[in-house]
Amino acid sequence: MMYLLLEISAKFLKLEQLDQDVDASEIIGVSVDGTGQVGTYFYTAPEIEQRWPKINEKADMYSLGVVFFELWHPFDTAMERHIVLSDLKQKGEVPPAWAAEYPEQSSLLRRLMSPSPSDRPSAVELLQNAFPPRMEYEMLDSK
């Protein structure tokens, strides 16, 4: 699933570079003007919350980091999810047991959710170099 999301993001970026007139509203059917709060709090990159004048595809990588974490970390309750994702977003902290069990995923997550967009990898970089550390089915087969 993560690989598919990365491929879609990389292809969208390539399309956007080829045609500077491409607008997210043309693709997803939603008006996006960058002035209002759109999306869910946990998935929103800091630069969007802080209303930076220039937002790029690295904001999507932040959101992808949250999705990546949710795929690798099961939650028993909605409250647990809220607490863990709050710590992740506000403090940059992942559960220590999770980080110990999945060190490669934890390292990738920290890069994806870096507070600074310039420190986050692009979708293309991840596809070429860093992703996947181990596929989900490999993890299941090894247990």
N, C-alpha and C. Protein backbone atom coordinates (compact mmCIF):
# COMPACT_ATOMS: atom_id res chain seq x y z
N MET A 1 0.82 -1.20 0.00
CA MET A 1 0.00 0.00 0.00
C MET A 1 0.87 1.26 0.00
N MET A 2 1.91 1.27 0.83
CA MET A 2 2.78 2.44 0.89
C MET A 2 3.47 2.67 -0.45
N TYR A 3 3.90 1.60 -1.07
CA TYR A 3 4.56 1.72 -2.37
C TYR A 3 3.61 2.37 -3.38
N LEU A 4 2.37 1.95 -3.37
CA LEU A 4 1.37 2.51 -4.28
C LEU A 4 1.16 4.00 -4.00
N LEU A 5 1.06 4.38 -2.74
CA LEU A 5 0.89 5.80 -2.40
C LEU A 5 2.09 6.62 -2.87
N LEU A 6 3.28 6.07 -2.72
CA LEU A 6 4.48 6.78 -3.17
C LEU A 6 4.50 6.93 -4.69
N GLU A 7 4.12 5.87 -5.40
CA GLU A 7 4.09 5.95 -6.86
C GLU A 7 3.09 7.01 -7.33
N ILE A 8 1.93 7.04 -6.71
CA ILE A 8 0.91 8.03 -7.07
C ILE A 8 1.44 9.44 -6.81
N SER A 9 2.05 9.64 -5.65
CA SER A 9 2.59 10.95 -5.31
C SER A 9 3.68 11.37 -6.29
N ALA A 10 4.57 10.45 -6.63
CA ALA A 10 5.66 10.76 -7.57
C ALA A 10 5.11 11.08 -8.96
N LYS A 11 4.10 10.34 -9.40
CA LYS A 11 3.52 10.59 -10.72
C LYS A 11 2.77 11.91 -10.75
N PHE A 12 2.07 12.24 -9.67
CA PHE A 12 1.37 13.51 -9.59
C PHE A 12 2.38 14.67 -9.66
N LEU A 13 3.50 14.53 -8.94
CA LEU A 13 4.52 15.57 -8.95
C LEU A 13 5.10 15.74 -10.35
N LYS A 14 5.35 14.63 -11.04
CA LYS A 14 5.87 14.70 -12.40
C LYS A 14 4.88 15.39 -13.33
N LEU A 15 3.60 15.06 -13.19
CA LEU A 15 2.56 15.69 -13.99
C LEU A 15 2.50 17.19 -13.69
N GLU A 16 2.62 17.53 -12.43
CA GLU A 16 2.57 18.93 -12.02
C GLU A 16 3.76 19.70 -12.60
N GLN A 17 4.93 19.06 -12.67
CA GLN A 17 6.11 19.72 -13.23
C GLN A 17 5.97 19.91 -14.73
N LEU A 18 5.31 18.98 -15.40
CA LEU A 18 5.12 19.09 -16.85
C LEU A 18 4.10 20.15 -17.21
N ASP A 19 3.06 20.26 -16.40
CA ASP A 19 1.98 21.19 -16.68
C ASP A 19 1.74 22.05 -15.45
N GLN A 20 2.31 23.23 -15.44
CA GLN A 20 2.19 24.11 -14.28
C GLN A 20 0.76 24.55 -14.02
N ASP A 21 -0.15 24.29 -14.96
CA ASP A 21 -1.55 24.67 -14.77
C ASP A 21 -2.35 23.60 -14.04
N VAL A 22 -1.74 22.45 -13.75
CA VAL A 22 -2.46 21.38 -13.05
C VAL A 22 -2.82 21.87 -11.66
N ASP A 23 -4.04 21.64 -11.28
CA ASP A 23 -4.56 22.05 -9.99
C ASP A 23 -5.16 20.83 -9.31
N ALA A 24 -4.95 20.74 -8.00
CA ALA A 24 -5.50 19.60 -7.26
C ALA A 24 -7.01 19.49 -7.44
N SER A 25 -7.68 20.61 -7.59
CA SER A 25 -9.14 20.57 -7.75
C SER A 25 -9.54 19.87 -9.03
N GLU A 26 -8.67 19.92 -10.06
CA GLU A 26 -8.98 19.23 -11.31
C GLU A 26 -8.90 17.71 -11.16
N ILE A 27 -8.07 17.27 -10.24
CA ILE A 27 -7.84 15.84 -10.08
C ILE A 27 -8.78 15.24 -9.04
N ILE A 28 -8.92 15.91 -7.89
CA ILE A 28 -9.73 15.33 -6.83
C ILE A 28 -11.10 15.98 -6.70
N GLY A 29 -11.37 17.00 -7.48
CA GLY A 29 -12.69 17.61 -7.46
C GLY A 29 -12.98 18.45 -6.23
N VAL A 30 -11.94 18.97 -5.59
CA VAL A 30 -12.10 19.79 -4.40
C VAL A 30 -11.34 21.09 -4.63
N SER A 31 -11.93 22.18 -4.22
CA SER A 31 -11.25 23.45 -4.34
C SER A 31 -10.24 23.58 -3.21
N VAL A 32 -8.99 23.81 -3.57
CA VAL A 32 -7.92 23.94 -2.60
C VAL A 32 -7.23 25.26 -2.87
N ASP A 33 -7.35 26.20 -1.95
CA ASP A 33 -6.72 27.50 -2.18
C ASP A 33 -5.58 27.79 -1.22
N GLY A 34 -5.29 26.89 -0.29
CA GLY A 34 -4.17 27.07 0.61
C GLY A 34 -4.41 28.09 1.71
N THR A 35 -5.62 28.58 1.84
CA THR A 35 -5.87 29.60 2.86
C THR A 35 -6.66 29.08 4.05
N GLY A 36 -7.30 27.95 3.91
CA GLY A 36 -8.11 27.42 4.99
C GLY A 36 -7.57 26.12 5.51
N GLN A 37 -8.04 25.73 6.68
CA GLN A 37 -7.62 24.46 7.25
C GLN A 37 -8.37 23.34 6.55
N VAL A 38 -7.66 22.54 5.81
CA VAL A 38 -8.24 21.42 5.09
C VAL A 38 -7.57 20.16 5.61
N GLY A 39 -8.34 19.12 5.83
CA GLY A 39 -7.75 17.86 6.26
C GLY A 39 -7.91 17.62 7.74
N THR A 40 -7.27 16.59 8.19
CA THR A 40 -7.36 16.17 9.58
C THR A 40 -6.09 16.61 10.31
N TYR A 41 -6.25 17.04 11.53
CA TYR A 41 -5.16 17.59 12.33
C TYR A 41 -3.91 16.72 12.32
N PHE A 42 -4.04 15.44 12.59
CA PHE A 42 -2.87 14.58 12.71
C PHE A 42 -2.07 14.49 11.41
N TYR A 43 -2.72 14.66 10.29
CA TYR A 43 -2.06 14.50 8.99
C TYR A 43 -1.53 15.80 8.41
N THR A 44 -1.82 16.92 9.06
CA THR A 44 -1.46 18.23 8.52
C THR A 44 -0.01 18.59 8.87
N ALA A 45 0.77 18.88 7.86
CA ALA A 45 2.18 19.25 8.04
C ALA A 45 2.29 20.60 8.76
N PRO A 46 3.35 20.78 9.55
CA PRO A 46 3.52 22.03 10.30
C PRO A 46 3.49 23.28 9.42
N GLU A 47 4.07 23.20 8.22
CA GLU A 47 4.11 24.39 7.36
C GLU A 47 2.72 24.79 6.88
N ILE A 48 1.81 23.85 6.80
CA ILE A 48 0.43 24.17 6.44
C ILE A 48 -0.26 24.85 7.62
N GLU A 49 -0.06 24.28 8.81
CA GLU A 49 -0.66 24.88 10.02
C GLU A 49 -0.14 26.30 10.24
N GLN A 50 1.13 26.52 9.93
CA GLN A 50 1.74 27.83 10.14
C GLN A 50 1.53 28.77 8.96
N ARG A 51 0.79 28.29 7.96
CA ARG A 51 0.42 29.09 6.78
C ARG A 51 1.63 29.69 6.06
N TRP A 52 2.62 28.83 5.82
CA TRP A 52 3.77 29.27 5.04
C TRP A 52 3.28 29.70 3.66
N PRO A 53 3.90 30.70 3.06
CA PRO A 53 3.44 31.15 1.74
C PRO A 53 3.74 30.15 0.62
N LYS A 54 4.76 29.34 0.79
CA LYS A 54 5.15 28.38 -0.25
C LYS A 54 5.10 26.97 0.34
N ILE A 55 4.16 26.17 -0.15
CA ILE A 55 4.01 24.78 0.29
C ILE A 55 4.33 23.89 -0.90
N ASN A 56 5.11 22.83 -0.66
CA ASN A 56 5.42 21.93 -1.77
C ASN A 56 5.02 20.49 -1.43
N GLU A 57 5.48 19.55 -2.25
CA GLU A 57 5.10 18.15 -2.09
C GLU A 57 5.61 17.53 -0.79
N LYS A 58 6.54 18.19 -0.11
CA LYS A 58 7.05 17.65 1.14
C LYS A 58 5.98 17.65 2.23
N ALA A 59 4.96 18.49 2.10
CA ALA A 59 3.83 18.46 3.04
C ALA A 59 3.10 17.13 2.92
N ASP A 60 3.01 16.61 1.70
CA ASP A 60 2.38 15.30 1.49
C ASP A 60 3.19 14.19 2.14
N MET A 61 4.51 14.34 2.15
CA MET A 61 5.37 13.32 2.76
C MET A 61 5.15 13.26 4.27
N TYR A 62 4.87 14.42 4.86
CA TYR A 62 4.55 14.44 6.29
C TYR A 62 3.28 13.61 6.55
N SER A 63 2.25 13.87 5.76
CA SER A 63 0.99 13.14 5.90
C SER A 63 1.20 11.65 5.65
N LEU A 64 2.02 11.34 4.66
CA LEU A 64 2.33 9.94 4.36
C LEU A 64 3.01 9.28 5.55
N GLY A 65 3.82 10.03 6.27
CA GLY A 65 4.46 9.49 7.47
C GLY A 65 3.45 9.04 8.50
N VAL A 66 2.40 9.82 8.69
CA VAL A 66 1.35 9.44 9.65
C VAL A 66 0.65 8.17 9.18
N VAL A 67 0.33 8.09 7.90
CA VAL A 67 -0.31 6.89 7.34
C VAL A 67 0.62 5.70 7.50
N PHE A 68 1.89 5.89 7.20
CA PHE A 68 2.90 4.83 7.34
C PHE A 68 2.90 4.30 8.77
N PHE A 69 2.92 5.20 9.74
CA PHE A 69 2.92 4.79 11.14
C PHE A 69 1.65 4.02 11.49
N GLU A 70 0.51 4.51 11.04
CA GLU A 70 -0.75 3.83 11.35
C GLU A 70 -0.80 2.42 10.76
N LEU A 71 -0.17 2.22 9.62
CA LEU A 71 -0.13 0.89 9.02
C LEU A 71 0.74 -0.07 9.82
N TRP A 72 1.75 0.46 10.48
CA TRP A 72 2.69 -0.38 11.22
C TRP A 72 2.37 -0.48 12.71
N HIS A 73 1.52 0.37 13.22
CA HIS A 73 1.23 0.37 14.66
C HIS A 73 -0.26 0.14 14.89
N PRO A 74 -0.63 -1.01 15.42
CA PRO A 74 -2.05 -1.25 15.70
C PRO A 74 -2.52 -0.44 16.91
N PHE A 75 -3.77 -0.05 16.88
CA PHE A 75 -4.38 0.67 18.00
C PHE A 75 -5.56 -0.15 18.49
N ASP A 76 -5.65 -0.31 19.81
CA ASP A 76 -6.76 -1.07 20.38
C ASP A 76 -8.02 -0.22 20.53
N THR A 77 -7.83 1.08 20.77
CA THR A 77 -8.98 1.96 20.97
C THR A 77 -8.75 3.29 20.25
N ALA A 78 -9.83 4.02 20.07
CA ALA A 78 -9.73 5.35 19.46
C ALA A 78 -8.95 6.29 20.37
N MET A 79 -9.10 6.12 21.68
CA MET A 79 -8.38 6.97 22.63
C MET A 79 -6.87 6.70 22.55
N GLU A 80 -6.49 5.44 22.44
CA GLU A 80 -5.07 5.12 22.30
C GLU A 80 -4.51 5.77 21.03
N ARG A 81 -5.25 5.67 19.94
CA ARG A 81 -4.82 6.28 18.68
C ARG A 81 -4.63 7.78 18.86
N HIS A 82 -5.59 8.43 19.51
CA HIS A 82 -5.51 9.87 19.73
C HIS A 82 -4.27 10.24 20.55
N ILE A 83 -4.01 9.52 21.61
CA ILE A 83 -2.87 9.82 22.49
C ILE A 83 -1.56 9.59 21.75
N VAL A 84 -1.43 8.45 21.09
CA VAL A 84 -0.18 8.12 20.40
C VAL A 84 0.08 9.09 19.25
N LEU A 85 -0.95 9.38 18.45
CA LEU A 85 -0.76 10.32 17.34
C LEU A 85 -0.52 11.75 17.83
N SER A 86 -1.11 12.11 18.96
CA SER A 86 -0.84 13.44 19.54
C SER A 86 0.62 13.55 19.94
N ASP A 87 1.15 12.51 20.61
CA ASP A 87 2.57 12.52 20.99
C ASP A 87 3.47 12.57 19.76
N LEU A 88 3.07 11.85 18.74
CA LEU A 88 3.85 11.83 17.50
C LEU A 88 3.88 13.21 16.86
N LYS A 89 2.73 13.84 16.76
CA LYS A 89 2.64 15.15 16.09
C LYS A 89 3.26 16.27 16.94
N GLN A 90 2.91 16.32 18.21
CA GLN A 90 3.32 17.44 19.05
C GLN A 90 4.76 17.33 19.56
N LYS A 91 5.20 16.10 19.86
CA LYS A 91 6.52 15.91 20.47
C LYS A 91 7.50 15.16 19.56
N GLY A 92 6.99 14.59 18.48
CA GLY A 92 7.83 13.78 17.61
C GLY A 92 8.22 12.45 18.24
N GLU A 93 7.43 12.00 19.20
CA GLU A 93 7.73 10.77 19.93
C GLU A 93 6.90 9.60 19.44
N VAL A 94 7.58 8.47 19.22
CA VAL A 94 6.87 7.23 18.91
C VAL A 94 6.98 6.34 20.15
N PRO A 95 6.06 5.40 20.30
CA PRO A 95 6.17 4.50 21.45
C PRO A 95 7.53 3.79 21.43
N PRO A 96 8.27 3.83 22.54
CA PRO A 96 9.61 3.23 22.57
C PRO A 96 9.62 1.75 22.18
N ALA A 97 8.63 1.00 22.59
CA ALA A 97 8.58 -0.43 22.24
C ALA A 97 8.44 -0.61 20.73
N TRP A 98 7.65 0.25 20.09
CA TRP A 98 7.48 0.18 18.64
C TRP A 98 8.80 0.52 17.93
N ALA A 99 9.46 1.57 18.39
CA ALA A 99 10.73 1.98 17.79
C ALA A 99 11.79 0.88 17.94
N ALA A 100 11.78 0.19 19.08
CA ALA A 100 12.74 -0.89 19.31
C ALA A 100 12.44 -2.09 18.41
N GLU A 101 11.16 -2.38 18.22
CA GLU A 101 10.78 -3.53 17.40
C GLU A 101 10.95 -3.25 15.90
N TYR A 102 10.75 -2.01 15.51
CA TYR A 102 10.82 -1.63 14.09
C TYR A 102 11.79 -0.45 13.89
N PRO A 103 13.08 -0.66 14.10
CA PRO A 103 14.03 0.47 14.01
C PRO A 103 14.12 1.10 12.62
N GLU A 104 14.05 0.30 11.56
CA GLU A 104 14.13 0.87 10.21
C GLU A 104 12.90 1.72 9.91
N GLN A 105 11.74 1.22 10.30
CA GLN A 105 10.50 1.96 10.09
C GLN A 105 10.50 3.24 10.92
N SER A 106 11.03 3.15 12.14
CA SER A 106 11.10 4.32 13.01
C SER A 106 12.00 5.40 12.41
N SER A 107 13.12 4.97 11.86
CA SER A 107 14.04 5.92 11.22
C SER A 107 13.39 6.60 10.01
N LEU A 108 12.71 5.81 9.19
CA LEU A 108 12.01 6.37 8.03
C LEU A 108 10.90 7.32 8.48
N LEU A 109 10.17 6.94 9.51
CA LEU A 109 9.09 7.79 10.02
C LEU A 109 9.63 9.14 10.48
N ARG A 110 10.75 9.13 11.17
CA ARG A 110 11.33 10.40 11.65
C ARG A 110 11.69 11.31 10.47
N ARG A 111 12.19 10.72 9.40
CA ARG A 111 12.51 11.51 8.21
C ARG A 111 11.24 12.07 7.57
N LEU A 112 10.23 11.21 7.43
CA LEU A 112 8.98 11.65 6.80
C LEU A 112 8.29 12.75 7.59
N MET A 113 8.39 12.68 8.92
CA MET A 113 7.68 13.64 9.77
C MET A 113 8.59 14.72 10.34
N SER A 114 9.71 14.95 9.70
CA SER A 114 10.60 16.01 10.15
C SER A 114 9.85 17.34 10.16
N PRO A 115 10.05 18.16 11.19
CA PRO A 115 9.39 19.47 11.22
C PRO A 115 9.79 20.35 10.04
N SER A 116 10.99 20.13 9.50
CA SER A 116 11.48 20.92 8.38
C SER A 116 11.23 20.19 7.06
N PRO A 117 10.45 20.79 6.15
CA PRO A 117 10.17 20.13 4.87
C PRO A 117 11.43 19.76 4.09
N SER A 118 12.47 20.58 4.19
CA SER A 118 13.69 20.29 3.43
C SER A 118 14.39 19.03 3.92
N ASP A 119 14.09 18.59 5.13
CA ASP A 119 14.68 17.36 5.67
C ASP A 119 13.88 16.11 5.32
N ARG A 120 12.69 16.30 4.77
CA ARG A 120 11.86 15.15 4.39
C ARG A 120 12.26 14.64 3.01
N PRO A 121 12.21 13.33 2.82
CA PRO A 121 12.49 12.80 1.49
C PRO A 121 11.31 13.06 0.55
N SER A 122 11.58 13.06 -0.73
CA SER A 122 10.50 13.15 -1.71
C SER A 122 10.00 11.74 -2.01
N ALA A 123 8.88 11.65 -2.67
CA ALA A 123 8.34 10.34 -3.06
C ALA A 123 9.32 9.62 -3.98
N VAL A 124 9.92 10.35 -4.89
CA VAL A 124 10.89 9.74 -5.82
C VAL A 124 12.10 9.21 -5.06
N GLU A 125 12.61 9.99 -4.11
CA GLU A 125 13.75 9.54 -3.30
C GLU A 125 13.42 8.25 -2.55
N LEU A 126 12.24 8.19 -1.98
CA LEU A 126 11.84 6.99 -1.24
C LEU A 126 11.74 5.79 -2.16
N LEU A 127 11.14 5.98 -3.31
CA LEU A 127 11.00 4.87 -4.25
C LEU A 127 12.36 4.37 -4.72
N GLN A 128 13.31 5.27 -4.88
CA GLN A 128 14.62 4.89 -5.40
C GLN A 128 15.56 4.36 -4.32
N ASN A 129 15.46 4.89 -3.10
CA ASN A 129 16.49 4.60 -2.11
C ASN A 129 16.03 4.00 -0.78
N ALA A 130 14.98 4.52 -0.22
CA ALA A 130 14.69 4.20 1.17
C ALA A 130 13.51 3.30 1.41
N PHE A 131 12.69 3.11 0.43
CA PHE A 131 11.45 2.39 0.70
C PHE A 131 11.37 1.15 -0.15
N PRO A 132 10.88 0.09 0.31
CA PRO A 132 10.46 -0.14 1.68
C PRO A 132 11.60 -0.73 2.50
N PRO A 133 11.66 -0.43 3.80
CA PRO A 133 12.68 -1.06 4.62
C PRO A 133 12.47 -2.58 4.66
N ARG A 134 11.23 -2.99 4.80
CA ARG A 134 10.79 -4.38 4.66
C ARG A 134 9.31 -4.33 4.37
N MET A 135 8.90 -5.11 3.42
CA MET A 135 7.49 -5.12 3.07
C MET A 135 6.67 -5.77 4.17
N GLU A 136 5.41 -5.36 4.28
CA GLU A 136 4.53 -5.89 5.31
C GLU A 136 4.44 -7.41 5.23
N TYR A 137 4.33 -7.98 4.03
CA TYR A 137 4.19 -9.42 3.92
C TYR A 137 5.46 -10.14 4.37
N GLU A 138 6.63 -9.51 4.21
CA GLU A 138 7.86 -10.11 4.70
C GLU A 138 7.86 -10.15 6.22
N MET A 139 7.33 -9.09 6.83
CA MET A 139 7.26 -9.05 8.30
C MET A 139 6.34 -10.15 8.80
N LEU A 140 5.22 -10.35 8.13
CA LEU A 140 4.27 -11.38 8.55
C LEU A 140 4.85 -12.78 8.36
N ASP A 141 5.57 -12.98 7.27
CA ASP A 141 6.16 -14.29 7.00
C ASP A 141 7.27 -14.64 7.98
N SER A 142 7.93 -13.63 8.54
CA SER A 142 9.06 -13.90 9.43
C SER A 142 8.64 -14.16 10.87
N LYS A 143 7.37 -13.99 11.18
CA LYS A 143 6.91 -14.19 12.57
C LYS A 143 6.38 -15.57 12.78
